[in-house]
């Protein structure tokens, strides 16, 4: 299996003493969740997704310029726009 590498610009520090650290994000861990039929499945997977999402957000917010973060949020929302669709009253029974 090949590894895809994505390189983006790092934020500037205010001074040399305040330099922003480079970050390497590895997306390579297998999901270790209970069996789908297990009662803990929903809570365990939700906790895993929340922890992964927070870790990823923390790394990106700490290292990327604000403009990159804004564009990332816009791109993510555009790709998931169907999740935020509001039904019109006449669509209530569909």
N, C-alpha and C. Protein backbone atom coordinates (compact mmCIF):
# COMPACT_ATOMS: atom_id res chain seq x y z
N UNK A 1 0.85 -1.18 0.00
CA UNK A 1 0.00 0.00 0.00
C UNK A 1 0.90 1.24 0.00
N UNK A 2 0.57 2.18 -0.84
CA UNK A 2 1.33 3.42 -0.88
C UNK A 2 0.75 4.42 0.10
N UNK A 3 1.57 5.34 0.53
CA UNK A 3 1.14 6.38 1.46
C UNK A 3 1.04 7.69 0.69
N UNK A 4 -0.09 8.34 0.84
CA UNK A 4 -0.28 9.64 0.20
C UNK A 4 0.20 10.72 1.17
N UNK A 5 0.97 11.65 0.67
CA UNK A 5 1.48 12.73 1.50
C UNK A 5 0.86 14.04 1.05
N UNK A 6 0.35 14.79 2.00
CA UNK A 6 -0.24 16.10 1.74
C UNK A 6 0.59 17.13 2.48
N UNK A 7 1.07 18.13 1.78
CA UNK A 7 1.88 19.16 2.42
C UNK A 7 1.16 20.49 2.32
N UNK A 8 1.05 21.20 3.45
CA UNK A 8 0.41 22.51 3.49
C UNK A 8 1.33 23.48 4.22
N UNK A 9 1.02 24.76 4.09
CA UNK A 9 1.84 25.79 4.74
C UNK A 9 1.57 25.86 6.23
N UNK A 10 2.62 26.13 6.97
CA UNK A 10 2.56 26.27 8.43
C UNK A 10 2.36 27.75 8.75
N UNK A 11 1.67 28.02 9.84
CA UNK A 11 1.46 29.40 10.28
C UNK A 11 2.79 30.03 10.69
N UNK A 12 2.88 31.33 10.57
CA UNK A 12 4.07 32.06 11.01
C UNK A 12 3.95 32.34 12.50
N UNK A 13 5.07 32.28 13.20
CA UNK A 13 5.10 32.68 14.60
C UNK A 13 5.26 34.19 14.66
N UNK A 14 4.89 34.77 15.78
CA UNK A 14 5.02 36.21 15.95
C UNK A 14 6.50 36.60 16.00
N UNK A 15 7.29 35.81 16.71
CA UNK A 15 8.74 36.03 16.80
C UNK A 15 9.44 34.70 16.60
N UNK A 16 10.75 34.72 16.54
CA UNK A 16 11.49 33.46 16.42
C UNK A 16 11.30 32.59 17.65
N UNK A 17 11.14 33.21 18.82
CA UNK A 17 10.92 32.45 20.04
C UNK A 17 9.52 31.84 20.09
N UNK A 18 8.63 32.36 19.26
CA UNK A 18 7.24 31.94 19.24
C UNK A 18 6.95 31.13 17.97
N UNK A 19 7.95 30.42 17.45
CA UNK A 19 7.79 29.68 16.20
C UNK A 19 6.73 28.59 16.32
N UNK A 20 5.94 28.43 15.28
CA UNK A 20 4.92 27.40 15.24
C UNK A 20 5.59 26.08 14.84
N UNK A 21 5.33 25.05 15.61
CA UNK A 21 5.94 23.74 15.33
C UNK A 21 5.29 23.10 14.11
N UNK A 22 6.10 22.39 13.34
CA UNK A 22 5.57 21.57 12.26
C UNK A 22 4.80 20.41 12.88
N UNK A 23 3.83 19.90 12.16
CA UNK A 23 3.01 18.80 12.65
C UNK A 23 2.96 17.70 11.59
N UNK A 24 3.12 16.48 12.02
CA UNK A 24 2.93 15.32 11.14
C UNK A 24 1.67 14.62 11.62
N UNK A 25 0.71 14.45 10.74
CA UNK A 25 -0.54 13.77 11.06
C UNK A 25 -0.53 12.42 10.35
N UNK A 26 -0.63 11.35 11.11
CA UNK A 26 -0.65 10.01 10.53
C UNK A 26 -2.06 9.44 10.67
N UNK A 27 -2.61 9.05 9.56
CA UNK A 27 -3.93 8.42 9.55
C UNK A 27 -3.69 6.97 9.14
N UNK A 28 -3.35 6.15 10.13
CA UNK A 28 -2.95 4.78 9.81
C UNK A 28 -3.40 3.74 10.84
N UNK A 29 -4.15 4.14 11.85
CA UNK A 29 -4.57 3.19 12.88
C UNK A 29 -5.85 2.49 12.45
N UNK A 30 -5.90 1.19 12.69
CA UNK A 30 -7.12 0.43 12.44
C UNK A 30 -8.12 0.75 13.55
N UNK A 31 -9.38 0.82 13.20
CA UNK A 31 -10.40 1.08 14.22
C UNK A 31 -10.55 -0.14 15.11
N UNK A 32 -10.48 0.07 16.42
CA UNK A 32 -10.63 -1.01 17.40
C UNK A 32 -11.90 -0.74 18.19
N UNK A 33 -13.02 -1.12 17.64
CA UNK A 33 -14.30 -0.90 18.30
C UNK A 33 -14.96 -2.24 18.59
N UNK A 34 -15.90 -2.28 19.53
CA UNK A 34 -16.62 -3.52 19.81
C UNK A 34 -17.39 -4.00 18.57
N UNK A 35 -17.82 -5.24 18.61
CA UNK A 35 -18.63 -5.78 17.53
C UNK A 35 -19.89 -4.93 17.35
N UNK A 36 -20.37 -4.86 16.12
CA UNK A 36 -21.54 -4.05 15.80
C UNK A 36 -22.74 -4.42 16.66
N UNK A 37 -22.87 -5.66 17.01
CA UNK A 37 -24.02 -6.12 17.81
C UNK A 37 -23.87 -5.82 19.30
N UNK A 38 -22.69 -5.38 19.70
CA UNK A 38 -22.43 -5.10 21.11
C UNK A 38 -23.18 -3.86 21.58
N UNK A 39 -23.70 -3.87 22.82
CA UNK A 39 -24.39 -2.68 23.34
C UNK A 39 -23.47 -1.45 23.46
N UNK A 40 -22.16 -1.69 23.58
CA UNK A 40 -21.21 -0.57 23.71
C UNK A 40 -20.81 0.02 22.37
N UNK A 41 -21.26 -0.56 21.26
CA UNK A 41 -20.80 -0.13 19.94
C UNK A 41 -20.99 1.37 19.71
N UNK A 42 -22.19 1.86 19.95
CA UNK A 42 -22.49 3.26 19.68
C UNK A 42 -21.65 4.19 20.55
N UNK A 43 -21.58 3.93 21.83
CA UNK A 43 -20.82 4.81 22.72
C UNK A 43 -19.32 4.71 22.45
N UNK A 44 -18.83 3.51 22.16
CA UNK A 44 -17.39 3.34 21.91
C UNK A 44 -16.97 4.02 20.60
N UNK A 45 -17.76 3.85 19.56
CA UNK A 45 -17.39 4.48 18.28
C UNK A 45 -17.55 5.99 18.37
N UNK A 46 -18.59 6.47 19.06
CA UNK A 46 -18.77 7.91 19.22
C UNK A 46 -17.59 8.51 19.97
N UNK A 47 -17.13 7.84 21.02
CA UNK A 47 -15.98 8.33 21.80
C UNK A 47 -14.71 8.34 20.95
N UNK A 48 -14.53 7.30 20.14
CA UNK A 48 -13.35 7.23 19.27
C UNK A 48 -13.36 8.37 18.25
N UNK A 49 -14.51 8.57 17.59
CA UNK A 49 -14.61 9.63 16.60
C UNK A 49 -14.40 11.01 17.24
N UNK A 50 -14.96 11.21 18.43
CA UNK A 50 -14.79 12.49 19.12
C UNK A 50 -13.33 12.73 19.47
N UNK A 51 -12.64 11.73 20.00
CA UNK A 51 -11.22 11.88 20.36
C UNK A 51 -10.37 12.14 19.12
N UNK A 52 -10.61 11.38 18.04
CA UNK A 52 -9.85 11.57 16.81
C UNK A 52 -10.11 12.96 16.22
N UNK A 53 -11.37 13.38 16.21
CA UNK A 53 -11.71 14.69 15.67
C UNK A 53 -11.07 15.82 16.46
N UNK A 54 -11.09 15.69 17.79
CA UNK A 54 -10.47 16.72 18.63
C UNK A 54 -8.96 16.77 18.43
N UNK A 55 -8.33 15.61 18.37
CA UNK A 55 -6.87 15.57 18.17
C UNK A 55 -6.49 16.19 16.83
N UNK A 56 -7.26 15.88 15.81
CA UNK A 56 -6.99 16.43 14.48
C UNK A 56 -7.22 17.94 14.47
N UNK A 57 -8.31 18.38 15.07
CA UNK A 57 -8.60 19.82 15.12
C UNK A 57 -7.53 20.57 15.92
N UNK A 58 -7.11 20.01 17.05
CA UNK A 58 -6.07 20.65 17.85
C UNK A 58 -4.78 20.81 17.06
N UNK A 59 -4.37 19.76 16.36
CA UNK A 59 -3.13 19.81 15.57
C UNK A 59 -3.24 20.84 14.46
N UNK A 60 -4.37 20.87 13.76
CA UNK A 60 -4.53 21.81 12.65
C UNK A 60 -4.61 23.25 13.14
N UNK A 61 -5.38 23.50 14.21
CA UNK A 61 -5.52 24.86 14.72
C UNK A 61 -4.21 25.39 15.29
N UNK A 62 -3.39 24.51 15.85
CA UNK A 62 -2.11 24.94 16.41
C UNK A 62 -1.07 25.25 15.34
N UNK A 63 -1.19 24.64 14.16
CA UNK A 63 -0.12 24.73 13.17
C UNK A 63 -0.46 25.48 11.89
N UNK A 64 -1.72 25.56 11.53
CA UNK A 64 -2.09 26.14 10.23
C UNK A 64 -2.47 27.62 10.34
N UNK A 65 -2.25 28.37 9.26
CA UNK A 65 -2.72 29.75 9.23
C UNK A 65 -4.25 29.80 9.30
N UNK A 66 -4.76 30.89 9.84
CA UNK A 66 -6.20 31.05 9.96
C UNK A 66 -6.94 30.92 8.64
N UNK A 67 -6.33 31.43 7.57
CA UNK A 67 -6.97 31.33 6.25
C UNK A 67 -7.12 29.88 5.80
N UNK A 68 -6.13 29.06 6.10
CA UNK A 68 -6.21 27.64 5.75
C UNK A 68 -7.33 26.97 6.54
N UNK A 69 -7.43 27.31 7.83
CA UNK A 69 -8.49 26.75 8.66
C UNK A 69 -9.86 27.15 8.12
N UNK A 70 -10.03 28.41 7.77
CA UNK A 70 -11.31 28.89 7.22
C UNK A 70 -11.68 28.15 5.94
N UNK A 71 -10.71 27.97 5.06
CA UNK A 71 -10.98 27.27 3.80
C UNK A 71 -11.26 25.79 4.03
N UNK A 72 -10.60 25.19 5.02
CA UNK A 72 -10.86 23.80 5.35
C UNK A 72 -12.28 23.63 5.87
N UNK A 73 -12.70 24.51 6.76
CA UNK A 73 -14.07 24.44 7.29
C UNK A 73 -15.08 24.59 6.17
N UNK A 74 -14.85 25.55 5.27
CA UNK A 74 -15.76 25.75 4.14
C UNK A 74 -15.81 24.49 3.26
N UNK A 75 -14.67 23.90 2.99
CA UNK A 75 -14.62 22.69 2.16
C UNK A 75 -15.34 21.53 2.84
N UNK A 76 -15.12 21.36 4.13
CA UNK A 76 -15.78 20.27 4.86
C UNK A 76 -17.30 20.47 4.88
N UNK A 77 -17.75 21.69 5.12
CA UNK A 77 -19.19 21.95 5.14
C UNK A 77 -19.81 21.75 3.76
N UNK A 78 -19.10 22.14 2.73
CA UNK A 78 -19.62 21.96 1.37
C UNK A 78 -19.76 20.47 1.05
N UNK A 79 -18.80 19.68 1.47
CA UNK A 79 -18.85 18.24 1.20
C UNK A 79 -19.93 17.53 2.00
N UNK A 80 -20.31 18.09 3.12
CA UNK A 80 -21.33 17.48 3.97
C UNK A 80 -22.61 18.32 4.04
N UNK A 81 -22.84 19.18 3.07
CA UNK A 81 -23.99 20.07 3.09
C UNK A 81 -25.31 19.32 3.20
N UNK A 82 -25.39 18.14 2.61
CA UNK A 82 -26.64 17.38 2.68
C UNK A 82 -27.02 17.04 4.11
N UNK A 83 -26.07 16.99 5.02
CA UNK A 83 -26.37 16.70 6.43
C UNK A 83 -27.04 17.89 7.12
N UNK A 84 -26.93 19.06 6.52
CA UNK A 84 -27.47 20.26 7.14
C UNK A 84 -28.72 20.77 6.42
N UNK A 85 -29.27 19.97 5.54
CA UNK A 85 -30.43 20.37 4.76
C UNK A 85 -31.64 20.45 5.68
N UNK A 86 -32.40 21.52 5.52
CA UNK A 86 -33.63 21.72 6.30
C UNK A 86 -34.81 21.43 5.38
N UNK A 87 -35.72 20.59 5.84
CA UNK A 87 -36.89 20.26 5.02
C UNK A 87 -37.92 21.38 5.08
N UNK A 88 -38.56 21.61 3.96
CA UNK A 88 -39.69 22.53 3.91
C UNK A 88 -40.89 21.83 4.52
N UNK A 89 -41.87 22.60 5.06
CA UNK A 89 -43.04 21.98 5.69
C UNK A 89 -43.76 20.98 4.77
N UNK A 90 -43.86 21.30 3.48
CA UNK A 90 -44.55 20.40 2.55
C UNK A 90 -43.78 19.09 2.29
N UNK A 91 -42.54 19.00 2.77
CA UNK A 91 -41.74 17.79 2.63
C UNK A 91 -41.79 16.92 3.88
N UNK A 92 -42.56 17.31 4.87
CA UNK A 92 -42.56 16.64 6.17
C UNK A 92 -42.88 15.15 6.09
N UNK A 93 -43.72 14.74 5.17
CA UNK A 93 -44.13 13.34 5.09
C UNK A 93 -43.25 12.50 4.17
N UNK A 94 -42.20 13.04 3.64
CA UNK A 94 -41.33 12.26 2.73
C UNK A 94 -40.29 11.52 3.49
